[in-house]
Protein backbone atom coordinates (compact mmCIF):
# COMPACT_ATOMS: atom_id res chain seq x y z
CA MET A 1 3.51 37.89 7.55
CA LEU A 2 5.02 34.49 8.29
CA LEU A 3 2.56 32.69 6.09
CA ALA A 4 2.96 35.14 3.24
CA ALA A 5 6.75 35.00 3.45
CA SER A 6 6.78 31.21 3.53
CA ALA A 7 4.62 30.74 0.41
CA ASP A 8 7.61 29.88 -1.75
CA VAL A 9 7.02 26.31 -2.91
CA THR A 10 6.08 25.38 -6.46
CA ALA A 11 3.59 22.51 -6.49
CA PRO A 12 4.88 19.64 -8.68
CA GLU A 13 1.57 19.64 -10.57
CA ARG A 14 2.26 23.20 -11.83
CA VAL A 15 5.65 22.44 -13.38
CA VAL A 16 6.09 22.34 -17.17
CA LEU A 17 7.37 18.95 -18.35
CA SER A 18 9.49 17.94 -21.31
CA SER A 19 8.30 15.13 -23.57
CA ALA A 20 10.73 12.71 -21.94
CA GLN A 21 9.58 13.61 -18.43
CA HIS A 22 5.90 13.30 -19.33
CA ASP A 23 6.53 9.96 -21.04
CA LEU A 24 8.38 8.59 -18.00
CA ILE A 25 5.52 9.59 -15.70
CA VAL A 26 2.99 7.90 -17.98
CA PHE A 27 5.21 4.81 -18.27
CA GLY A 28 5.43 4.47 -14.49
CA ILE A 29 1.68 4.94 -14.04
CA VAL A 30 0.74 2.40 -16.74
CA VAL A 31 3.21 -0.25 -15.55
CA ALA A 32 2.02 0.16 -11.96
CA GLY A 33 -1.60 -0.05 -13.11
CA PHE A 34 -0.96 -3.26 -15.03
CA ALA A 35 0.85 -4.78 -12.04
CA LEU A 36 -2.10 -3.93 -9.80
CA VAL A 37 -4.60 -5.47 -12.24
CA ALA A 38 -2.45 -8.63 -12.31
CA GLN A 39 -2.48 -8.69 -8.48
CA LEU A 40 -6.25 -8.24 -8.52
CA LEU A 41 -6.69 -11.25 -10.81
CA TYR A 42 -4.20 -13.35 -8.86
CA SER A 43 -5.87 -12.60 -5.52
CA TRP A 44 -9.29 -13.35 -6.97
CA THR A 45 -8.28 -16.72 -8.43
CA SER A 46 -6.18 -17.84 -5.44
CA LEU A 47 -8.69 -17.33 -2.63
CA GLY A 48 -9.12 -21.09 -2.28
CA GLU A 49 -5.41 -21.71 -1.75
CA VAL A 50 -5.58 -20.67 1.91
CA SER A 51 -7.87 -21.77 4.72
CA SER A 52 -10.80 -19.66 5.83
CA ARG A 53 -8.83 -18.56 8.91
CA TYR A 54 -6.34 -16.60 6.79
CA ARG A 55 -8.59 -15.74 3.87
CA PRO A 56 -9.19 -12.19 5.17
CA ALA A 57 -5.55 -11.45 4.22
CA VAL A 58 -6.20 -12.42 0.61
CA LEU A 59 -9.53 -10.57 0.58
CA ALA A 60 -7.75 -7.45 1.84
CA SER A 61 -5.17 -7.82 -0.94
CA LEU A 62 -8.01 -8.21 -3.44
CA CYS A 63 -9.68 -5.00 -2.23
CA ILE A 64 -6.36 -3.13 -2.22
CA ALA A 65 -5.56 -4.16 -5.78
CA GLY A 66 -9.07 -3.28 -6.96
CA VAL A 67 -9.11 0.19 -5.40
CA ALA A 68 -5.55 0.95 -6.54
CA SER A 69 -6.26 -0.23 -10.09
CA LEU A 70 -9.17 2.21 -10.36
CA SER A 71 -7.02 4.94 -8.81
CA TYR A 72 -4.27 4.44 -11.37
CA LEU A 73 -6.80 4.60 -14.19
CA MET A 74 -7.90 7.97 -12.77
CA VAL A 75 -4.30 9.19 -12.44
CA PHE A 76 -3.52 8.14 -16.02
CA LEU A 77 -6.55 10.00 -17.38
CA GLN A 78 -5.67 13.09 -15.32
CA VAL A 79 -2.06 13.10 -16.51
CA HIS A 80 -3.26 12.56 -20.08
CA SER A 81 -5.78 15.42 -20.00
CA GLY A 82 -4.02 17.63 -17.45
CA TYR A 83 -1.19 18.72 -19.75
CA ASP A 84 -1.38 20.59 -23.04
CA TYR A 85 1.38 19.90 -25.53
CA SER A 86 2.82 23.20 -26.74
CA GLY A 87 6.18 24.08 -28.26
CA GLY A 88 7.72 20.70 -27.46
CA SER A 89 6.70 20.78 -23.78
CA TYR A 90 3.75 19.65 -21.70
CA VAL A 91 2.14 22.62 -19.97
CA PRO A 92 -0.11 21.82 -16.97
CA ASN A 93 -3.70 23.00 -16.99
CA SER A 94 -6.25 23.05 -14.15
CA GLU A 95 -6.82 19.26 -14.34
CA ALA A 96 -3.15 18.59 -13.57
CA LEU A 97 -3.80 19.63 -9.95
CA SER A 98 -5.68 16.34 -9.44
CA THR A 99 -2.85 14.05 -10.53
CA ILE A 100 -1.55 13.62 -6.98
CA THR A 101 -4.86 14.17 -5.19
CA SER A 102 -6.15 10.90 -6.64
CA ARG A 103 -3.20 9.07 -5.10
CA TYR A 104 -4.18 10.31 -1.63
CA MET A 105 -7.75 9.09 -2.19
CA ASP A 106 -6.31 5.66 -3.03
CA TRP A 107 -4.00 5.63 0.00
CA ALA A 108 -6.78 6.68 2.41
CA VAL A 109 -8.43 3.32 1.67
CA THR A 110 -5.55 1.02 0.81
CA VAL A 111 -3.03 1.91 3.54
CA PRO A 112 -5.42 0.97 6.40
CA LEU A 113 -6.23 -2.22 4.47
CA LEU A 114 -2.51 -3.02 4.29
CA MET A 115 -2.50 -2.95 8.10
CA ALA A 116 -5.41 -5.39 8.20
CA GLU A 117 -3.72 -7.60 5.61
CA LEU A 118 -0.57 -7.93 7.68
CA LEU A 119 -2.38 -8.55 10.97
CA ALA A 120 -4.57 -11.22 9.35
CA VAL A 121 -1.60 -13.61 9.24
CA CYS A 122 -0.14 -12.67 12.64
CA THR A 123 -0.86 -14.71 15.75
CA LEU A 124 -2.91 -12.06 17.55
CA VAL A 125 -6.46 -13.14 18.36
CA GLY A 126 -9.56 -11.86 20.08
CA ARG A 127 -9.60 -8.48 21.74
CA ARG A 128 -5.87 -7.94 21.31
CA LEU A 129 -6.20 -8.37 17.56
CA ALA A 130 -9.27 -6.15 17.36
CA ARG A 131 -7.63 -3.41 19.44
CA THR A 132 -4.35 -3.51 17.51
CA ARG A 133 -6.11 -3.51 14.16
CA ALA A 134 -8.34 -0.58 15.14
CA VAL A 135 -5.40 1.52 16.33
CA VAL A 136 -3.11 0.95 13.33
CA MET A 137 -5.91 1.33 10.77
CA ALA A 138 -7.04 4.59 12.37
CA ALA A 139 -3.45 5.85 12.55
CA ALA A 140 -2.89 4.89 8.91
CA PHE A 141 -6.00 6.77 7.80
CA ALA A 142 -5.03 9.81 9.86
CA MET A 143 -1.49 9.69 8.44
CA ILE A 144 -2.81 9.90 4.89
CA VAL A 145 -5.45 12.56 5.56
CA THR A 146 -3.04 14.88 7.40
CA GLY A 147 -0.44 14.43 4.67
CA TYR A 148 -3.11 15.30 2.12
CA LEU A 149 -4.01 18.50 4.00
CA GLY A 150 -0.43 19.74 3.82
CA ASP A 151 0.36 18.59 0.32
CA GLN A 152 -2.88 19.48 -1.45
CA VAL A 153 -5.29 21.57 0.63
CA PHE A 154 -3.53 24.31 2.62
CA LYS A 155 -2.26 26.90 0.12
CA GLU A 156 -2.54 24.11 -2.49
CA GLY A 157 0.74 22.63 -1.27
CA GLU A 158 2.74 25.77 -2.03
CA ASP A 159 3.49 26.97 1.49
CA THR A 160 6.51 25.68 3.39
CA PHE A 161 4.95 26.36 6.79
CA TRP A 162 1.87 24.23 6.15
CA LEU A 163 3.84 21.51 4.40
CA TRP A 164 6.14 21.10 7.40
CA LEU A 165 3.31 21.37 9.93
CA TRP A 166 1.14 18.66 8.39
CA TRP A 167 4.17 16.52 7.58
CA GLY A 168 4.97 16.56 11.31
CA VAL A 169 1.40 15.59 12.26
CA SER A 170 1.40 12.84 9.65
CA MET A 171 4.74 11.53 10.90
CA ALA A 172 3.33 11.34 14.44
CA CYS A 173 0.70 8.94 13.09
CA PHE A 174 3.50 7.14 11.22
CA VAL A 175 5.30 6.59 14.53
CA VAL A 176 2.13 5.27 16.18
CA ILE A 177 1.85 2.64 13.45
CA TYR A 178 5.39 1.43 14.05
CA VAL A 179 5.11 1.49 17.85
CA VAL A 180 1.96 -0.63 17.80
CA LEU A 181 2.60 -2.85 14.77
CA VAL A 182 6.25 -3.84 15.21
CA PRO A 183 5.80 -5.55 18.62
CA ALA A 184 2.78 -7.44 17.26
CA VAL A 185 4.80 -8.71 14.30
CA VAL A 186 7.85 -9.58 16.42
CA SER A 187 5.78 -11.59 18.90
CA SER A 188 4.09 -13.41 16.02
CA VAL A 189 7.39 -14.24 14.31
CA ARG A 190 8.77 -15.72 17.54
CA SER A 191 5.73 -17.93 18.10
CA LEU A 192 5.47 -19.32 14.56
CA PRO A 193 7.41 -22.17 12.93
CA ALA A 194 10.75 -20.99 11.53
CA ASP A 195 9.75 -20.88 7.84
CA VAL A 196 6.44 -19.16 8.56
CA GLY A 197 8.03 -16.65 10.92
CA ARG A 198 10.75 -15.90 8.39
CA GLY A 199 8.16 -15.24 5.69
CA LEU A 200 6.13 -12.99 7.98
CA GLY A 201 9.26 -11.06 8.96
CA GLN A 202 10.18 -10.56 5.29
CA ALA A 203 6.69 -9.30 4.44
CA ALA A 204 6.62 -6.87 7.37
CA THR A 205 10.11 -5.62 6.56
CA VAL A 206 9.14 -4.92 2.94
CA LEU A 207 6.01 -3.01 3.94
CA LEU A 208 7.49 -1.00 6.78
CA SER A 209 10.60 -0.16 4.74
CA VAL A 210 8.75 1.05 1.65
CA PHE A 211 6.58 3.28 3.84
CA PHE A 212 9.62 5.53 4.32
CA VAL A 213 9.51 6.42 0.61
CA TYR A 214 6.31 8.43 0.98
CA PRO A 215 7.34 10.99 3.66
CA VAL A 216 10.69 11.49 1.90
CA VAL A 217 9.05 12.14 -1.47
CA TYR A 218 6.53 14.44 0.24
CA LEU A 219 9.41 16.76 1.17
CA ILE A 220 10.91 17.02 -2.34
CA PRO A 221 8.97 20.18 -3.36
CA ILE A 222 10.29 22.02 -0.29
CA PHE A 223 13.89 21.60 -1.41
CA PHE A 224 13.71 21.07 -5.19
CA ASP A 225 11.58 21.97 -8.17
CA GLY A 226 11.63 21.41 -11.90
CA GLY A 227 10.42 18.80 -14.35
CA TRP A 228 12.79 16.04 -13.32
CA TRP A 229 11.77 16.36 -9.67
CA THR A 230 8.08 16.15 -10.63
CA THR A 231 8.96 13.05 -12.64
CA THR A 232 10.84 11.62 -9.66
CA ILE A 233 7.81 12.14 -7.42
CA HIS A 234 5.42 10.30 -9.73
CA VAL A 235 7.81 7.46 -10.55
CA ALA A 236 8.74 7.00 -6.87
CA PHE A 237 5.08 6.87 -5.84
CA SER A 238 4.28 4.37 -8.59
CA ALA A 239 7.23 2.12 -7.70
CA ALA A 240 6.46 2.29 -3.97
CA ASP A 241 2.80 1.42 -4.62
CA VAL A 242 3.79 -1.67 -6.61
CA ILE A 243 6.15 -2.85 -3.86
CA ALA A 244 3.67 -2.14 -1.05
CA LYS A 245 0.59 -3.57 -2.76
CA VAL A 246 1.84 -6.22 -5.17
CA GLY A 247 5.15 -7.36 -3.68
CA PHE A 248 3.87 -7.26 -0.11
CA GLY A 249 0.62 -8.92 -1.19
CA MET A 250 2.50 -11.83 -2.75
CA LEU A 251 4.58 -12.30 0.40
CA ILE A 252 1.49 -12.24 2.62
CA HIS A 253 -0.19 -14.79 0.36
CA LYS A 254 2.84 -17.04 0.85
CA VAL A 255 2.62 -16.64 4.63
CA ALA A 256 -1.11 -17.44 4.56
CA LYS A 257 -0.38 -20.65 2.64
CA LEU A 258 2.41 -21.62 5.03
CA ARG A 259 0.18 -21.01 8.04
CA THR A 260 -2.56 -23.08 6.37
CA ALA A 261 -0.12 -25.95 5.82
CA ALA A 262 1.16 -25.72 9.40
CA ASP A 263 -2.38 -25.87 10.79
CA VAL A 264 -3.23 -28.86 8.61
CA ALA A 265 -0.04 -30.69 9.63
CA ALA A 266 -0.83 -30.04 13.31
CA GLY A 267 -4.36 -31.37 12.89
CA ASP A 268 -5.91 -28.01 13.79
CA GLU A 269 -7.39 -27.31 10.37
CA THR A 270 -8.67 -29.07 7.28
CA HIS A 271 -7.99 -27.90 3.76
CA PRO A 272 -9.16 -29.83 0.69
CA GLU A 273 -6.13 -29.02 -1.48
CA SER A 274 -2.45 -29.82 -1.08
CA VAL A 275 -0.41 -26.77 -0.16
CA TRP A 276 2.63 -26.02 -2.31
CA VAL A 277 4.89 -23.01 -1.88
CA ASN A 278 7.68 -22.36 -4.38
CA SER A 279 7.17 -25.90 -5.76
CA VAL A 280 7.76 -27.35 -2.28
CA HIS A 281 5.04 -29.61 -0.86
CA HIS A 282 4.01 -28.51 2.65
CA SER A 283 0.82 -30.46 3.38
CA ASP A 284 -1.65 -32.87 1.81
CA GLY A 285 -5.27 -32.06 1.19
CA VAL A 286 -7.48 -32.96 4.15
CA SER A 287 -11.23 -32.88 3.74
CA PRO A 288 -13.50 -32.04 6.68
CA PRO A 289 -15.09 -35.05 8.38
CA ALA A 290 -18.31 -36.22 6.81
CA ARG A 291 -21.47 -35.25 8.63
CA PRO A 292 -23.54 -38.15 9.95
CA ALA A 293 -26.62 -38.96 7.89
CA ALA A 294 -29.83 -37.43 9.18
CA GLY A 295 -32.30 -39.70 11.00
């Protein structure tokens, strides 16, 4: 009786949209998709700007942008085909139910990679790094999967009981991420040169702040429904994805370059190119020592 009585939520994917609402959703999806493609190209062409020690951060950003770009292409096609235009409104059909599911598929891959991207420029090494990375990546994956179960699987996201239950489980994973990741970032910031630590702190703050958008937006259908709230959900997810994957990626790339320059200046690393950040010269190019001739 409890479950039957609590089935009182209208899934956002089942809401009829006006032309303006549908156009705003499409606009947000396309702009986010273009931004992610730009990040993909930038990460691909800038791999050589950082030393091999910090290159995993840029490779993670490259993978994130690639996966998210494909995801946004899927979301666009689903929004395009998932609504039938009738009488001045966009009426959802069966394909509209996948318009948010595809986002969860994206996040299940990219959110754990965001954890790896951040840790790749922290000062953790060896077993401590491996243990921290394993915990936060597993927690991130579990956070997305449990959120997906409540929002899309159980009663197709139209039951308050299951939405709250899986939101709570997902938030427990959310807390694990913060409990493990924040001390790692703080210790790294304190042990790095001031400019590098400041950049790392800014990147972590951006990522961990934008993460709050997702659980808040998840709860919208419980309290509100209607076309404008469906529009808000899609636009908020698109904006948050751009900040978390493009904005954060750019900040991490900056930190990786600063750490490269600091290592070169300290004589701990060689890097063939000069390192410039925001038109400021941080280190000269240093080639590795020549190998002695054989025999």
